[in-house]
Amino acid sequence: AGFVDVAVHPFVPGVLSRVAGRKP
């Protein structure tokens, strides 16, 4: 979609992840 700096972060370890990105 055009997001940059996309990274995966644990949110609830072993259950939920948070994948975040920034619009340039």
PDBML (XML) file of the C-alpha atoms, coordinates in Angstrom:
<?xml version="1.0" encoding="UTF-8" ?>
<PDBx:datablock datablockName="MODEL"
   xmlns:PDBx="http://pdbml.pdb.org/schema/pdbx-v50.xsd"
   xmlns:xsi="http://www.w3.org/2001/XMLSchema-instance"
   xsi:schemaLocation="http://pdbml.pdb.org/schema/pdbx-v50.xsd pdbx-v50.xsd">
   <PDBx:atom_siteCategory>
      <PDBx:atom_site id="1">
         <PDBx:B_iso_or_equiv>0.00</PDBx:B_iso_or_equiv>
         <PDBx:Cartn_x>0.000</PDBx:Cartn_x>
         <PDBx:Cartn_y>0.000</PDBx:Cartn_y>
         <PDBx:Cartn_z>0.000</PDBx:Cartn_z>
         <PDBx:auth_asym_id>A</PDBx:auth_asym_id>
         <PDBx:auth_atom_id>CA</PDBx:auth_atom_id>
         <PDBx:auth_comp_id>ALA</PDBx:auth_comp_id>
         <PDBx:auth_seq_id>1</PDBx:auth_seq_id>
         <PDBx:group_PDB>ATOM</PDBx:group_PDB>
         <PDBx:label_alt_id xsi:nil="true" />
         <PDBx:label_asym_id>A</PDBx:label_asym_id>
         <PDBx:label_atom_id>CA</PDBx:label_atom_id>
         <PDBx:label_comp_id>ALA</PDBx:label_comp_id>
         <PDBx:label_entity_id>1</PDBx:label_entity_id>
         <PDBx:label_seq_id>1</PDBx:label_seq_id>
         <PDBx:occupancy>1.00</PDBx:occupancy>
         <PDBx:pdbx_PDB_model_num>1</PDBx:pdbx_PDB_model_num>
         <PDBx:type_symbol>C</PDBx:type_symbol>
      </PDBx:atom_site>
      <PDBx:atom_site id="2">
         <PDBx:B_iso_or_equiv>0.00</PDBx:B_iso_or_equiv>
         <PDBx:Cartn_x>3.059</PDBx:Cartn_x>
         <PDBx:Cartn_y>2.279</PDBx:Cartn_y>
         <PDBx:Cartn_z>0.249</PDBx:Cartn_z>
         <PDBx:auth_asym_id>A</PDBx:auth_asym_id>
         <PDBx:auth_atom_id>CA</PDBx:auth_atom_id>
         <PDBx:auth_comp_id>GLY</PDBx:auth_comp_id>
         <PDBx:auth_seq_id>2</PDBx:auth_seq_id>
         <PDBx:group_PDB>ATOM</PDBx:group_PDB>
         <PDBx:label_alt_id xsi:nil="true" />
         <PDBx:label_asym_id>A</PDBx:label_asym_id>
         <PDBx:label_atom_id>CA</PDBx:label_atom_id>
         <PDBx:label_comp_id>GLY</PDBx:label_comp_id>
         <PDBx:label_entity_id>1</PDBx:label_entity_id>
         <PDBx:label_seq_id>2</PDBx:label_seq_id>
         <PDBx:occupancy>1.00</PDBx:occupancy>
         <PDBx:pdbx_PDB_model_num>1</PDBx:pdbx_PDB_model_num>
         <PDBx:type_symbol>C</PDBx:type_symbol>
      </PDBx:atom_site>
      <PDBx:atom_site id="3">
         <PDBx:B_iso_or_equiv>0.00</PDBx:B_iso_or_equiv>
         <PDBx:Cartn_x>3.911</PDBx:Cartn_x>
         <PDBx:Cartn_y>2.118</PDBx:Cartn_y>
         <PDBx:Cartn_z>3.950</PDBx:Cartn_z>
         <PDBx:auth_asym_id>A</PDBx:auth_asym_id>
         <PDBx:auth_atom_id>CA</PDBx:auth_atom_id>
         <PDBx:auth_comp_id>PHE</PDBx:auth_comp_id>
         <PDBx:auth_seq_id>3</PDBx:auth_seq_id>
         <PDBx:group_PDB>ATOM</PDBx:group_PDB>
         <PDBx:label_alt_id xsi:nil="true" />
         <PDBx:label_asym_id>A</PDBx:label_asym_id>
         <PDBx:label_atom_id>CA</PDBx:label_atom_id>
         <PDBx:label_comp_id>PHE</PDBx:label_comp_id>
         <PDBx:label_entity_id>1</PDBx:label_entity_id>
         <PDBx:label_seq_id>3</PDBx:label_seq_id>
         <PDBx:occupancy>1.00</PDBx:occupancy>
         <PDBx:pdbx_PDB_model_num>1</PDBx:pdbx_PDB_model_num>
         <PDBx:type_symbol>C</PDBx:type_symbol>
      </PDBx:atom_site>
      <PDBx:atom_site id="4">
         <PDBx:B_iso_or_equiv>0.00</PDBx:B_iso_or_equiv>
         <PDBx:Cartn_x>7.581</PDBx:Cartn_x>
         <PDBx:Cartn_y>2.353</PDBx:Cartn_y>
         <PDBx:Cartn_z>4.943</PDBx:Cartn_z>
         <PDBx:auth_asym_id>A</PDBx:auth_asym_id>
         <PDBx:auth_atom_id>CA</PDBx:auth_atom_id>
         <PDBx:auth_comp_id>VAL</PDBx:auth_comp_id>
         <PDBx:auth_seq_id>4</PDBx:auth_seq_id>
         <PDBx:group_PDB>ATOM</PDBx:group_PDB>
         <PDBx:label_alt_id xsi:nil="true" />
         <PDBx:label_asym_id>A</PDBx:label_asym_id>
         <PDBx:label_atom_id>CA</PDBx:label_atom_id>
         <PDBx:label_comp_id>VAL</PDBx:label_comp_id>
         <PDBx:label_entity_id>1</PDBx:label_entity_id>
         <PDBx:label_seq_id>4</PDBx:label_seq_id>
         <PDBx:occupancy>1.00</PDBx:occupancy>
         <PDBx:pdbx_PDB_model_num>1</PDBx:pdbx_PDB_model_num>
         <PDBx:type_symbol>C</PDBx:type_symbol>
      </PDBx:atom_site>
      <PDBx:atom_site id="5">
         <PDBx:B_iso_or_equiv>0.00</PDBx:B_iso_or_equiv>
         <PDBx:Cartn_x>9.506</PDBx:Cartn_x>
         <PDBx:Cartn_y>1.335</PDBx:Cartn_y>
         <PDBx:Cartn_z>8.060</PDBx:Cartn_z>
         <PDBx:auth_asym_id>A</PDBx:auth_asym_id>
         <PDBx:auth_atom_id>CA</PDBx:auth_atom_id>
         <PDBx:auth_comp_id>ASP</PDBx:auth_comp_id>
         <PDBx:auth_seq_id>5</PDBx:auth_seq_id>
         <PDBx:group_PDB>ATOM</PDBx:group_PDB>
         <PDBx:label_alt_id xsi:nil="true" />
         <PDBx:label_asym_id>A</PDBx:label_asym_id>
         <PDBx:label_atom_id>CA</PDBx:label_atom_id>
         <PDBx:label_comp_id>ASP</PDBx:label_comp_id>
         <PDBx:label_entity_id>1</PDBx:label_entity_id>
         <PDBx:label_seq_id>5</PDBx:label_seq_id>
         <PDBx:occupancy>1.00</PDBx:occupancy>
         <PDBx:pdbx_PDB_model_num>1</PDBx:pdbx_PDB_model_num>
         <PDBx:type_symbol>C</PDBx:type_symbol>
      </PDBx:atom_site>
      <PDBx:atom_site id="6">
         <PDBx:B_iso_or_equiv>0.00</PDBx:B_iso_or_equiv>
         <PDBx:Cartn_x>7.249</PDBx:Cartn_x>
         <PDBx:Cartn_y>-1.720</PDBx:Cartn_y>
         <PDBx:Cartn_z>8.320</PDBx:Cartn_z>
         <PDBx:auth_asym_id>A</PDBx:auth_asym_id>
         <PDBx:auth_atom_id>CA</PDBx:auth_atom_id>
         <PDBx:auth_comp_id>VAL</PDBx:auth_comp_id>
         <PDBx:auth_seq_id>6</PDBx:auth_seq_id>
         <PDBx:group_PDB>ATOM</PDBx:group_PDB>
         <PDBx:label_alt_id xsi:nil="true" />
         <PDBx:label_asym_id>A</PDBx:label_asym_id>
         <PDBx:label_atom_id>CA</PDBx:label_atom_id>
         <PDBx:label_comp_id>VAL</PDBx:label_comp_id>
         <PDBx:label_entity_id>1</PDBx:label_entity_id>
         <PDBx:label_seq_id>6</PDBx:label_seq_id>
         <PDBx:occupancy>1.00</PDBx:occupancy>
         <PDBx:pdbx_PDB_model_num>1</PDBx:pdbx_PDB_model_num>
         <PDBx:type_symbol>C</PDBx:type_symbol>
      </PDBx:atom_site>
      <PDBx:atom_site id="7">
         <PDBx:B_iso_or_equiv>0.00</PDBx:B_iso_or_equiv>
         <PDBx:Cartn_x>8.169</PDBx:Cartn_x>
         <PDBx:Cartn_y>-3.949</PDBx:Cartn_y>
         <PDBx:Cartn_z>11.247</PDBx:Cartn_z>
         <PDBx:auth_asym_id>A</PDBx:auth_asym_id>
         <PDBx:auth_atom_id>CA</PDBx:auth_atom_id>
         <PDBx:auth_comp_id>ALA</PDBx:auth_comp_id>
         <PDBx:auth_seq_id>7</PDBx:auth_seq_id>
         <PDBx:group_PDB>ATOM</PDBx:group_PDB>
         <PDBx:label_alt_id xsi:nil="true" />
         <PDBx:label_asym_id>A</PDBx:label_asym_id>
         <PDBx:label_atom_id>CA</PDBx:label_atom_id>
         <PDBx:label_comp_id>ALA</PDBx:label_comp_id>
         <PDBx:label_entity_id>1</PDBx:label_entity_id>
         <PDBx:label_seq_id>7</PDBx:label_seq_id>
         <PDBx:occupancy>1.00</PDBx:occupancy>
         <PDBx:pdbx_PDB_model_num>1</PDBx:pdbx_PDB_model_num>
         <PDBx:type_symbol>C</PDBx:type_symbol>
      </PDBx:atom_site>
      <PDBx:atom_site id="8">
         <PDBx:B_iso_or_equiv>0.00</PDBx:B_iso_or_equiv>
         <PDBx:Cartn_x>6.735</PDBx:Cartn_x>
         <PDBx:Cartn_y>-6.761</PDBx:Cartn_y>
         <PDBx:Cartn_z>13.367</PDBx:Cartn_z>
         <PDBx:auth_asym_id>A</PDBx:auth_asym_id>
         <PDBx:auth_atom_id>CA</PDBx:auth_atom_id>
         <PDBx:auth_comp_id>VAL</PDBx:auth_comp_id>
         <PDBx:auth_seq_id>8</PDBx:auth_seq_id>
         <PDBx:group_PDB>ATOM</PDBx:group_PDB>
         <PDBx:label_alt_id xsi:nil="true" />
         <PDBx:label_asym_id>A</PDBx:label_asym_id>
         <PDBx:label_atom_id>CA</PDBx:label_atom_id>
         <PDBx:label_comp_id>VAL</PDBx:label_comp_id>
         <PDBx:label_entity_id>1</PDBx:label_entity_id>
         <PDBx:label_seq_id>8</PDBx:label_seq_id>
         <PDBx:occupancy>1.00</PDBx:occupancy>
         <PDBx:pdbx_PDB_model_num>1</PDBx:pdbx_PDB_model_num>
         <PDBx:type_symbol>C</PDBx:type_symbol>
      </PDBx:atom_site>
      <PDBx:atom_site id="9">
         <PDBx:B_iso_or_equiv>0.00</PDBx:B_iso_or_equiv>
         <PDBx:Cartn_x>6.524</PDBx:Cartn_x>
         <PDBx:Cartn_y>-6.269</PDBx:Cartn_y>
         <PDBx:Cartn_z>17.132</PDBx:Cartn_z>
         <PDBx:auth_asym_id>A</PDBx:auth_asym_id>
         <PDBx:auth_atom_id>CA</PDBx:auth_atom_id>
         <PDBx:auth_comp_id>HIS</PDBx:auth_comp_id>
         <PDBx:auth_seq_id>9</PDBx:auth_seq_id>
         <PDBx:group_PDB>ATOM</PDBx:group_PDB>
         <PDBx:label_alt_id xsi:nil="true" />
         <PDBx:label_asym_id>A</PDBx:label_asym_id>
         <PDBx:label_atom_id>CA</PDBx:label_atom_id>
         <PDBx:label_comp_id>HIS</PDBx:label_comp_id>
         <PDBx:label_entity_id>1</PDBx:label_entity_id>
         <PDBx:label_seq_id>9</PDBx:label_seq_id>
         <PDBx:occupancy>1.00</PDBx:occupancy>
         <PDBx:pdbx_PDB_model_num>1</PDBx:pdbx_PDB_model_num>
         <PDBx:type_symbol>C</PDBx:type_symbol>
      </PDBx:atom_site>
      <PDBx:atom_site id="10">
         <PDBx:B_iso_or_equiv>0.00</PDBx:B_iso_or_equiv>
         <PDBx:Cartn_x>5.267</PDBx:Cartn_x>
         <PDBx:Cartn_y>-8.689</PDBx:Cartn_y>
         <PDBx:Cartn_z>19.794</PDBx:Cartn_z>
         <PDBx:auth_asym_id>A</PDBx:auth_asym_id>
         <PDBx:auth_atom_id>CA</PDBx:auth_atom_id>
         <PDBx:auth_comp_id>PRO</PDBx:auth_comp_id>
         <PDBx:auth_seq_id>10</PDBx:auth_seq_id>
         <PDBx:group_PDB>ATOM</PDBx:group_PDB>
         <PDBx:label_alt_id xsi:nil="true" />
         <PDBx:label_asym_id>A</PDBx:label_asym_id>
         <PDBx:label_atom_id>CA</PDBx:label_atom_id>
         <PDBx:label_comp_id>PRO</PDBx:label_comp_id>
         <PDBx:label_entity_id>1</PDBx:label_entity_id>
         <PDBx:label_seq_id>10</PDBx:label_seq_id>
         <PDBx:occupancy>1.00</PDBx:occupancy>
         <PDBx:pdbx_PDB_model_num>1</PDBx:pdbx_PDB_model_num>
         <PDBx:type_symbol>C</PDBx:type_symbol>
      </PDBx:atom_site>
      <PDBx:atom_site id="11">
         <PDBx:B_iso_or_equiv>0.00</PDBx:B_iso_or_equiv>
         <PDBx:Cartn_x>2.001</PDBx:Cartn_x>
         <PDBx:Cartn_y>-7.410</PDBx:Cartn_y>
         <PDBx:Cartn_z>21.280</PDBx:Cartn_z>
         <PDBx:auth_asym_id>A</PDBx:auth_asym_id>
         <PDBx:auth_atom_id>CA</PDBx:auth_atom_id>
         <PDBx:auth_comp_id>PHE</PDBx:auth_comp_id>
         <PDBx:auth_seq_id>11</PDBx:auth_seq_id>
         <PDBx:group_PDB>ATOM</PDBx:group_PDB>
         <PDBx:label_alt_id xsi:nil="true" />
         <PDBx:label_asym_id>A</PDBx:label_asym_id>
         <PDBx:label_atom_id>CA</PDBx:label_atom_id>
         <PDBx:label_comp_id>PHE</PDBx:label_comp_id>
         <PDBx:label_entity_id>1</PDBx:label_entity_id>
         <PDBx:label_seq_id>11</PDBx:label_seq_id>
         <PDBx:occupancy>1.00</PDBx:occupancy>
         <PDBx:pdbx_PDB_model_num>1</PDBx:pdbx_PDB_model_num>
         <PDBx:type_symbol>C</PDBx:type_symbol>
      </PDBx:atom_site>
      <PDBx:atom_site id="12">
         <PDBx:B_iso_or_equiv>0.00</PDBx:B_iso_or_equiv>
         <PDBx:Cartn_x>1.005</PDBx:Cartn_x>
         <PDBx:Cartn_y>-10.345</PDBx:Cartn_y>
         <PDBx:Cartn_z>23.471</PDBx:Cartn_z>
         <PDBx:auth_asym_id>A</PDBx:auth_asym_id>
         <PDBx:auth_atom_id>CA</PDBx:auth_atom_id>
         <PDBx:auth_comp_id>VAL</PDBx:auth_comp_id>
         <PDBx:auth_seq_id>12</PDBx:auth_seq_id>
         <PDBx:group_PDB>ATOM</PDBx:group_PDB>
         <PDBx:label_alt_id xsi:nil="true" />
         <PDBx:label_asym_id>A</PDBx:label_asym_id>
         <PDBx:label_atom_id>CA</PDBx:label_atom_id>
         <PDBx:label_comp_id>VAL</PDBx:label_comp_id>
         <PDBx:label_entity_id>1</PDBx:label_entity_id>
         <PDBx:label_seq_id>12</PDBx:label_seq_id>
         <PDBx:occupancy>1.00</PDBx:occupancy>
         <PDBx:pdbx_PDB_model_num>1</PDBx:pdbx_PDB_model_num>
         <PDBx:type_symbol>C</PDBx:type_symbol>
      </PDBx:atom_site>
      <PDBx:atom_site id="13">
         <PDBx:B_iso_or_equiv>0.00</PDBx:B_iso_or_equiv>
         <PDBx:Cartn_x>4.049</PDBx:Cartn_x>
         <PDBx:Cartn_y>-12.644</PDBx:Cartn_y>
         <PDBx:Cartn_z>23.128</PDBx:Cartn_z>
         <PDBx:auth_asym_id>A</PDBx:auth_asym_id>
         <PDBx:auth_atom_id>CA</PDBx:auth_atom_id>
         <PDBx:auth_comp_id>PRO</PDBx:auth_comp_id>
         <PDBx:auth_seq_id>13</PDBx:auth_seq_id>
         <PDBx:group_PDB>ATOM</PDBx:group_PDB>
         <PDBx:label_alt_id xsi:nil="true" />
         <PDBx:label_asym_id>A</PDBx:label_asym_id>
         <PDBx:label_atom_id>CA</PDBx:label_atom_id>
         <PDBx:label_comp_id>PRO</PDBx:label_comp_id>
         <PDBx:label_entity_id>1</PDBx:label_entity_id>
         <PDBx:label_seq_id>13</PDBx:label_seq_id>
         <PDBx:occupancy>1.00</PDBx:occupancy>
         <PDBx:pdbx_PDB_model_num>1</PDBx:pdbx_PDB_model_num>
         <PDBx:type_symbol>C</PDBx:type_symbol>
      </PDBx:atom_site>
      <PDBx:atom_site id="14">
         <PDBx:B_iso_or_equiv>0.00</PDBx:B_iso_or_equiv>
         <PDBx:Cartn_x>3.146</PDBx:Cartn_x>
         <PDBx:Cartn_y>-16.010</PDBx:Cartn_y>
         <PDBx:Cartn_z>21.646</PDBx:Cartn_z>
         <PDBx:auth_asym_id>A</PDBx:auth_asym_id>
         <PDBx:auth_atom_id>CA</PDBx:auth_atom_id>
         <PDBx:auth_comp_id>GLY</PDBx:auth_comp_id>
         <PDBx:auth_seq_id>14</PDBx:auth_seq_id>
         <PDBx:group_PDB>ATOM</PDBx:group_PDB>
         <PDBx:label_alt_id xsi:nil="true" />
         <PDBx:label_asym_id>A</PDBx:label_asym_id>
         <PDBx:label_atom_id>CA</PDBx:label_atom_id>
         <PDBx:label_comp_id>GLY</PDBx:label_comp_id>
         <PDBx:label_entity_id>1</PDBx:label_entity_id>
         <PDBx:label_seq_id>14</PDBx:label_seq_id>
         <PDBx:occupancy>1.00</PDBx:occupancy>
         <PDBx:pdbx_PDB_model_num>1</PDBx:pdbx_PDB_model_num>
         <PDBx:type_symbol>C</PDBx:type_symbol>
      </PDBx:atom_site>
      <PDBx:atom_site id="15">
         <PDBx:B_iso_or_equiv>0.00</PDBx:B_iso_or_equiv>
         <PDBx:Cartn_x>-0.387</PDBx:Cartn_x>
         <PDBx:Cartn_y>-14.854</PDBx:Cartn_y>
         <PDBx:Cartn_z>20.818</PDBx:Cartn_z>
         <PDBx:auth_asym_id>A</PDBx:auth_asym_id>
         <PDBx:auth_atom_id>CA</PDBx:auth_atom_id>
         <PDBx:auth_comp_id>VAL</PDBx:auth_comp_id>
         <PDBx:auth_seq_id>15</PDBx:auth_seq_id>
         <PDBx:group_PDB>ATOM</PDBx:group_PDB>
         <PDBx:label_alt_id xsi:nil="true" />
         <PDBx:label_asym_id>A</PDBx:label_asym_id>
         <PDBx:label_atom_id>CA</PDBx:label_atom_id>
         <PDBx:label_comp_id>VAL</PDBx:label_comp_id>
         <PDBx:label_entity_id>1</PDBx:label_entity_id>
         <PDBx:label_seq_id>15</PDBx:label_seq_id>
         <PDBx:occupancy>1.00</PDBx:occupancy>
         <PDBx:pdbx_PDB_model_num>1</PDBx:pdbx_PDB_model_num>
         <PDBx:type_symbol>C</PDBx:type_symbol>
      </PDBx:atom_site>
      <PDBx:atom_site id="16">
         <PDBx:B_iso_or_equiv>0.00</PDBx:B_iso_or_equiv>
         <PDBx:Cartn_x>-0.634</PDBx:Cartn_x>
         <PDBx:Cartn_y>-11.469</PDBx:Cartn_y>
         <PDBx:Cartn_z>19.070</PDBx:Cartn_z>
         <PDBx:auth_asym_id>A</PDBx:auth_asym_id>
         <PDBx:auth_atom_id>CA</PDBx:auth_atom_id>
         <PDBx:auth_comp_id>LEU</PDBx:auth_comp_id>
         <PDBx:auth_seq_id>16</PDBx:auth_seq_id>
         <PDBx:group_PDB>ATOM</PDBx:group_PDB>
         <PDBx:label_alt_id xsi:nil="true" />
         <PDBx:label_asym_id>A</PDBx:label_asym_id>
         <PDBx:label_atom_id>CA</PDBx:label_atom_id>
         <PDBx:label_comp_id>LEU</PDBx:label_comp_id>
         <PDBx:label_entity_id>1</PDBx:label_entity_id>
         <PDBx:label_seq_id>16</PDBx:label_seq_id>
         <PDBx:occupancy>1.00</PDBx:occupancy>
         <PDBx:pdbx_PDB_model_num>1</PDBx:pdbx_PDB_model_num>
         <PDBx:type_symbol>C</PDBx:type_symbol>
      </PDBx:atom_site>
      <PDBx:atom_site id="17">
         <PDBx:B_iso_or_equiv>0.00</PDBx:B_iso_or_equiv>
         <PDBx:Cartn_x>1.771</PDBx:Cartn_x>
         <PDBx:Cartn_y>-9.513</PDBx:Cartn_y>
         <PDBx:Cartn_z>16.885</PDBx:Cartn_z>
         <PDBx:auth_asym_id>A</PDBx:auth_asym_id>
         <PDBx:auth_atom_id>CA</PDBx:auth_atom_id>
         <PDBx:auth_comp_id>SER</PDBx:auth_comp_id>
         <PDBx:auth_seq_id>17</PDBx:auth_seq_id>
         <PDBx:group_PDB>ATOM</PDBx:group_PDB>
         <PDBx:label_alt_id xsi:nil="true" />
         <PDBx:label_asym_id>A</PDBx:label_asym_id>
         <PDBx:label_atom_id>CA</PDBx:label_atom_id>
         <PDBx:label_comp_id>SER</PDBx:label_comp_id>
         <PDBx:label_entity_id>1</PDBx:label_entity_id>
         <PDBx:label_seq_id>17</PDBx:label_seq_id>
         <PDBx:occupancy>1.00</PDBx:occupancy>
         <PDBx:pdbx_PDB_model_num>1</PDBx:pdbx_PDB_model_num>
         <PDBx:type_symbol>C</PDBx:type_symbol>
      </PDBx:atom_site>
      <PDBx:atom_site id="18">
         <PDBx:B_iso_or_equiv>0.00</PDBx:B_iso_or_equiv>
         <PDBx:Cartn_x>1.632</PDBx:Cartn_x>
         <PDBx:Cartn_y>-5.833</PDBx:Cartn_y>
         <PDBx:Cartn_z>15.985</PDBx:Cartn_z>
         <PDBx:auth_asym_id>A</PDBx:auth_asym_id>
         <PDBx:auth_atom_id>CA</PDBx:auth_atom_id>
         <PDBx:auth_comp_id>ARG</PDBx:auth_comp_id>
         <PDBx:auth_seq_id>18</PDBx:auth_seq_id>
         <PDBx:group_PDB>ATOM</PDBx:group_PDB>
         <PDBx:label_alt_id xsi:nil="true" />
         <PDBx:label_asym_id>A</PDBx:label_asym_id>
         <PDBx:label_atom_id>CA</PDBx:label_atom_id>
         <PDBx:label_comp_id>ARG</PDBx:label_comp_id>
         <PDBx:label_entity_id>1</PDBx:label_entity_id>
         <PDBx:label_seq_id>18</PDBx:label_seq_id>
         <PDBx:occupancy>1.00</PDBx:occupancy>
         <PDBx:pdbx_PDB_model_num>1</PDBx:pdbx_PDB_model_num>
         <PDBx:type_symbol>C</PDBx:type_symbol>
      </PDBx:atom_site>
      <PDBx:atom_site id="19">
         <PDBx:B_iso_or_equiv>0.00</PDBx:B_iso_or_equiv>
         <PDBx:Cartn_x>2.734</PDBx:Cartn_x>
         <PDBx:Cartn_y>-5.051</PDBx:Cartn_y>
         <PDBx:Cartn_z>12.449</PDBx:Cartn_z>
         <PDBx:auth_asym_id>A</PDBx:auth_asym_id>
         <PDBx:auth_atom_id>CA</PDBx:auth_atom_id>
         <PDBx:auth_comp_id>VAL</PDBx:auth_comp_id>
         <PDBx:auth_seq_id>19</PDBx:auth_seq_id>
         <PDBx:group_PDB>ATOM</PDBx:group_PDB>
         <PDBx:label_alt_id xsi:nil="true" />
         <PDBx:label_asym_id>A</PDBx:label_asym_id>
         <PDBx:label_atom_id>CA</PDBx:label_atom_id>
         <PDBx:label_comp_id>VAL</PDBx:label_comp_id>
         <PDBx:label_entity_id>1</PDBx:label_entity_id>
         <PDBx:label_seq_id>19</PDBx:label_seq_id>
         <PDBx:occupancy>1.00</PDBx:occupancy>
         <PDBx:pdbx_PDB_model_num>1</PDBx:pdbx_PDB_model_num>
         <PDBx:type_symbol>C</PDBx:type_symbol>
      </PDBx:atom_site>
      <PDBx:atom_site id="20">
         <PDBx:B_iso_or_equiv>0.00</PDBx:B_iso_or_equiv>
         <PDBx:Cartn_x>3.230</PDBx:Cartn_x>
         <PDBx:Cartn_y>-1.328</PDBx:Cartn_y>
         <PDBx:Cartn_z>11.986</PDBx:Cartn_z>
         <PDBx:auth_asym_id>A</PDBx:auth_asym_id>
         <PDBx:auth_atom_id>CA</PDBx:auth_atom_id>
         <PDBx:auth_comp_id>ALA</PDBx:auth_comp_id>
         <PDBx:auth_seq_id>20</PDBx:auth_seq_id>
         <PDBx:group_PDB>ATOM</PDBx:group_PDB>
         <PDBx:label_alt_id xsi:nil="true" />
         <PDBx:label_asym_id>A</PDBx:label_asym_id>
         <PDBx:label_atom_id>CA</PDBx:label_atom_id>
         <PDBx:label_comp_id>ALA</PDBx:label_comp_id>
         <PDBx:label_entity_id>1</PDBx:label_entity_id>
         <PDBx:label_seq_id>20</PDBx:label_seq_id>
         <PDBx:occupancy>1.00</PDBx:occupancy>
         <PDBx:pdbx_PDB_model_num>1</PDBx:pdbx_PDB_model_num>
         <PDBx:type_symbol>C</PDBx:type_symbol>
      </PDBx:atom_site>
      <PDBx:atom_site id="21">
         <PDBx:B_iso_or_equiv>0.00</PDBx:B_iso_or_equiv>
         <PDBx:Cartn_x>4.157</PDBx:Cartn_x>
         <PDBx:Cartn_y>0.970</PDBx:Cartn_y>
         <PDBx:Cartn_z>9.153</PDBx:Cartn_z>
         <PDBx:auth_asym_id>A</PDBx:auth_asym_id>
         <PDBx:auth_atom_id>CA</PDBx:auth_atom_id>
         <PDBx:auth_comp_id>GLY</PDBx:auth_comp_id>
         <PDBx:auth_seq_id>21</PDBx:auth_seq_id>
         <PDBx:group_PDB>ATOM</PDBx:group_PDB>
         <PDBx:label_alt_id xsi:nil="true" />
         <PDBx:label_asym_id>A</PDBx:label_asym_id>
         <PDBx:label_atom_id>CA</PDBx:label_atom_id>
         <PDBx:label_comp_id>GLY</PDBx:label_comp_id>
         <PDBx:label_entity_id>1</PDBx:label_entity_id>
         <PDBx:label_seq_id>21</PDBx:label_seq_id>
         <PDBx:occupancy>1.00</PDBx:occupancy>
         <PDBx:pdbx_PDB_model_num>1</PDBx:pdbx_PDB_model_num>
         <PDBx:type_symbol>C</PDBx:type_symbol>
      </PDBx:atom_site>
      <PDBx:atom_site id="22">
         <PDBx:B_iso_or_equiv>0.00</PDBx:B_iso_or_equiv>
         <PDBx:Cartn_x>4.395</PDBx:Cartn_x>
         <PDBx:Cartn_y>4.691</PDBx:Cartn_y>
         <PDBx:Cartn_z>8.442</PDBx:Cartn_z>
         <PDBx:auth_asym_id>A</PDBx:auth_asym_id>
         <PDBx:auth_atom_id>CA</PDBx:auth_atom_id>
         <PDBx:auth_comp_id>ARG</PDBx:auth_comp_id>
         <PDBx:auth_seq_id>22</PDBx:auth_seq_id>
         <PDBx:group_PDB>ATOM</PDBx:group_PDB>
         <PDBx:label_alt_id xsi:nil="true" />
         <PDBx:label_asym_id>A</PDBx:label_asym_id>
         <PDBx:label_atom_id>CA</PDBx:label_atom_id>
         <PDBx:label_comp_id>ARG</PDBx:label_comp_id>
         <PDBx:label_entity_id>1</PDBx:label_entity_id>
         <PDBx:label_seq_id>22</PDBx:label_seq_id>
         <PDBx:occupancy>1.00</PDBx:occupancy>
         <PDBx:pdbx_PDB_model_num>1</PDBx:pdbx_PDB_model_num>
         <PDBx:type_symbol>C</PDBx:type_symbol>
      </PDBx:atom_site>
      <PDBx:atom_site id="23">
         <PDBx:B_iso_or_equiv>0.00</PDBx:B_iso_or_equiv>
         <PDBx:Cartn_x>3.025</PDBx:Cartn_x>
         <PDBx:Cartn_y>6.697</PDBx:Cartn_y>
         <PDBx:Cartn_z>5.527</PDBx:Cartn_z>
         <PDBx:auth_asym_id>A</PDBx:auth_asym_id>
         <PDBx:auth_atom_id>CA</PDBx:auth_atom_id>
         <PDBx:auth_comp_id>LYS</PDBx:auth_comp_id>
         <PDBx:auth_seq_id>23</PDBx:auth_seq_id>
         <PDBx:group_PDB>ATOM</PDBx:group_PDB>
         <PDBx:label_alt_id xsi:nil="true" />
         <PDBx:label_asym_id>A</PDBx:label_asym_id>
         <PDBx:label_atom_id>CA</PDBx:label_atom_id>
         <PDBx:label_comp_id>LYS</PDBx:label_comp_id>
         <PDBx:label_entity_id>1</PDBx:label_entity_id>
         <PDBx:label_seq_id>23</PDBx:label_seq_id>
         <PDBx:occupancy>1.00</PDBx:occupancy>
         <PDBx:pdbx_PDB_model_num>1</PDBx:pdbx_PDB_model_num>
         <PDBx:type_symbol>C</PDBx:type_symbol>
      </PDBx:atom_site>
      <PDBx:atom_site id="24">
         <PDBx:B_iso_or_equiv>0.00</PDBx:B_iso_or_equiv>
         <PDBx:Cartn_x>5.944</PDBx:Cartn_x>
         <PDBx:Cartn_y>8.578</PDBx:Cartn_y>
         <PDBx:Cartn_z>3.943</PDBx:Cartn_z>
         <PDBx:auth_asym_id>A</PDBx:auth_asym_id>
         <PDBx:auth_atom_id>CA</PDBx:auth_atom_id>
         <PDBx:auth_comp_id>PRO</PDBx:auth_comp_id>
         <PDBx:auth_seq_id>24</PDBx:auth_seq_id>
         <PDBx:group_PDB>ATOM</PDBx:group_PDB>
         <PDBx:label_alt_id xsi:nil="true" />
         <PDBx:label_asym_id>A</PDBx:label_asym_id>
         <PDBx:label_atom_id>CA</PDBx:label_atom_id>
         <PDBx:label_comp_id>PRO</PDBx:label_comp_id>
         <PDBx:label_entity_id>1</PDBx:label_entity_id>
         <PDBx:label_seq_id>24</PDBx:label_seq_id>
         <PDBx:occupancy>1.00</PDBx:occupancy>
         <PDBx:pdbx_PDB_model_num>1</PDBx:pdbx_PDB_model_num>
         <PDBx:type_symbol>C</PDBx:type_symbol>
      </PDBx:atom_site>
   </PDBx:atom_siteCategory>
</PDBx:datablock>
